[in-house]
Amino acid sequence: MSMELELKNVHLRSGDKLKVKGEILHDAERFQIDLGCDSNDLALHFNPRFHDDTDGTVLVCNSKIAGCWGDEKREIDKPLQRGSDVKIVLKLSGDVFEVELPDGQEVQFPNRVGMDVISYIRVAGDFKLTSFKIC
């Protein structure tokens, strides 16, 4: 039972935070949080994958410009586990995105496209969203 939340015409600027809370499904393979101006132009595609590695999660970050994916940045990580309740905080800090994970660990991904206003947000996949806040 995967879900999807898609928001258009939002106004997330440098310094703003997006807080996403929810439960990673027990049989999760992956979920994603996308920030950009539409589904074909994403400054950040945050995509934890649970099927790639049995010892932990592979965190994949990428960008998409005019429908074309860039080079993936991959990190093996432990704080995201199937069946767990999590809070993930995403922050646009000018030339970099900061993603704070549940254990306080932070993943950084460059703002490759230099997007200074995020107008599109999508949360999708094997994730039960319980709270969503822009602050």
Protein backbone atom coordinates (compact mmCIF):
# COMPACT_ATOMS: atom_id res chain seq x y z
CA MET A 1 0.00 0.00 0.00
CA SER A 2 2.09 2.88 -1.23
CA MET A 3 0.92 6.47 -0.97
CA GLU A 4 1.58 9.71 -2.75
CA LEU A 5 1.31 13.34 -1.75
CA GLU A 6 1.94 15.87 -4.49
CA LEU A 7 1.92 19.62 -3.86
CA LYS A 8 2.18 22.30 -6.52
CA ASN A 9 2.46 26.08 -6.22
CA VAL A 10 4.25 25.94 -2.86
CA HIS A 11 6.92 28.50 -2.01
CA LEU A 12 9.89 26.94 -0.22
CA ARG A 13 12.89 29.31 -0.10
CA SER A 14 16.44 29.09 1.12
CA GLY A 15 16.40 28.65 4.90
CA ASP A 16 12.96 27.03 4.96
CA LYS A 17 12.56 23.51 6.32
CA LEU A 18 10.27 20.70 5.28
CA LYS A 19 9.51 18.23 8.10
CA VAL A 20 8.12 14.88 7.05
CA LYS A 21 6.98 12.33 9.64
CA GLY A 22 5.66 8.89 8.97
CA GLU A 23 6.13 5.15 9.08
CA ILE A 24 8.31 3.21 6.69
CA LEU A 25 6.17 0.22 5.71
CA HIS A 26 7.25 -3.22 6.99
CA ASP A 27 7.73 -4.55 3.45
CA ALA A 28 9.11 -1.28 2.04
CA GLU A 29 11.33 -1.39 -1.01
CA ARG A 30 11.69 2.37 -1.43
CA PHE A 31 10.12 5.76 -0.97
CA GLN A 32 11.01 9.21 -2.21
CA ILE A 33 10.79 12.87 -1.35
CA ASP A 34 11.12 15.15 -4.37
CA LEU A 35 11.70 18.92 -4.34
CA GLY A 36 11.72 21.01 -7.50
CA CYS A 37 9.48 23.00 -9.83
CA ASP A 38 7.65 20.00 -11.37
CA SER A 39 8.05 16.23 -11.79
CA ASN A 40 10.52 16.69 -14.67
CA ASP A 41 12.67 19.31 -12.92
CA LEU A 42 13.81 18.19 -9.48
CA ALA A 43 16.54 19.90 -7.50
CA LEU A 44 16.45 17.04 -4.96
CA HIS A 45 15.24 13.45 -5.33
CA PHE A 46 15.75 11.79 -1.92
CA ASN A 47 15.19 8.04 -2.37
CA PRO A 48 15.95 5.51 0.40
CA ARG A 49 16.04 1.97 -1.02
CA PHE A 50 15.69 -1.07 1.19
CA HIS A 51 16.11 -3.88 -1.34
CA ASP A 52 19.65 -3.08 -2.53
CA ASP A 53 21.48 -4.03 0.65
CA THR A 54 20.42 -6.40 3.43
CA ASP A 55 22.57 -4.69 6.09
CA GLY A 56 21.00 -1.27 5.79
CA THR A 57 19.50 1.27 3.51
CA VAL A 58 21.00 2.74 0.39
CA LEU A 59 20.21 6.45 0.34
CA VAL A 60 20.11 7.69 -3.22
CA CYS A 61 20.06 11.41 -3.96
CA ASN A 62 19.82 12.85 -7.44
CA SER A 63 18.51 15.72 -9.53
CA LYS A 64 16.45 15.72 -12.71
CA ILE A 65 16.62 18.45 -15.35
CA ALA A 66 14.13 18.50 -18.25
CA GLY A 67 13.32 14.85 -17.54
CA CYS A 68 16.96 13.71 -17.52
CA TRP A 69 18.53 12.28 -14.35
CA GLY A 70 21.94 13.42 -13.16
CA ASP A 71 24.59 11.29 -11.45
CA GLU A 72 23.33 9.48 -8.37
CA LYS A 73 24.93 10.12 -5.00
CA ARG A 74 24.69 6.91 -2.93
CA GLU A 75 25.30 6.34 0.77
CA ILE A 76 24.83 3.22 2.84
CA ASP A 77 22.94 4.13 5.95
CA LYS A 78 21.46 2.49 9.02
CA PRO A 79 18.98 4.93 10.66
CA LEU A 80 16.16 4.22 8.22
CA GLN A 81 14.66 0.81 8.90
CA ARG A 82 11.57 -0.93 7.57
CA GLY A 83 8.64 -0.70 9.98
CA SER A 84 10.00 2.30 11.89
CA ASP A 85 8.50 5.71 12.62
CA VAL A 86 10.75 8.45 11.31
CA LYS A 87 11.08 12.20 11.07
CA ILE A 88 13.08 13.53 8.13
CA VAL A 89 13.90 17.23 7.89
CA LEU A 90 14.88 18.69 4.52
CA LYS A 91 16.38 22.16 4.30
CA LEU A 92 17.39 24.23 1.30
CA SER A 93 20.50 26.18 2.26
CA GLY A 94 21.33 28.05 -0.93
CA ASP A 95 23.77 25.87 -2.84
CA VAL A 96 23.13 22.68 -0.83
CA PHE A 97 20.25 20.58 0.48
CA GLU A 98 20.60 19.29 4.03
CA VAL A 99 18.62 16.18 4.95
CA GLU A 100 18.50 15.39 8.67
CA LEU A 101 17.85 11.74 9.42
CA PRO A 102 16.23 10.27 12.57
CA ASP A 103 19.54 9.61 14.37
CA GLY A 104 20.71 13.20 13.86
CA GLN A 105 22.96 12.19 10.98
CA GLU A 106 22.88 14.59 8.03
CA VAL A 107 23.14 13.95 4.32
CA GLN A 108 24.06 16.82 2.04
CA PHE A 109 23.33 17.08 -1.66
CA PRO A 110 24.36 20.00 -3.90
CA ASN A 111 21.71 22.25 -5.41
CA ARG A 112 23.03 21.42 -8.89
CA VAL A 113 20.44 23.47 -10.74
CA GLY A 114 20.71 26.52 -8.49
CA MET A 115 16.99 26.47 -7.74
CA ASP A 116 16.27 29.19 -5.17
CA VAL A 117 12.52 28.58 -4.82
CA ILE A 118 10.96 25.13 -4.58
CA SER A 119 7.40 25.13 -5.93
CA TYR A 120 6.82 21.35 -6.20
CA ILE A 121 6.94 18.73 -3.44
CA ARG A 122 6.15 15.04 -3.78
CA VAL A 123 6.27 12.27 -1.18
CA ALA A 124 5.63 8.82 -2.64
CA GLY A 125 6.33 5.14 -2.18
CA ASP A 126 6.31 2.67 0.69
CA PHE A 127 5.79 5.29 3.36
CA LYS A 128 2.73 6.13 5.49
CA LEU A 129 2.77 9.90 5.94
CA THR A 130 1.50 11.10 9.32
CA SER A 131 2.71 14.72 9.43
CA PHE A 132 3.95 17.27 6.92
CA LYS A 133 5.11 20.77 7.85
CA ILE A 134 6.86 23.66 6.12
CA CYS A 135 8.54 26.08 8.51
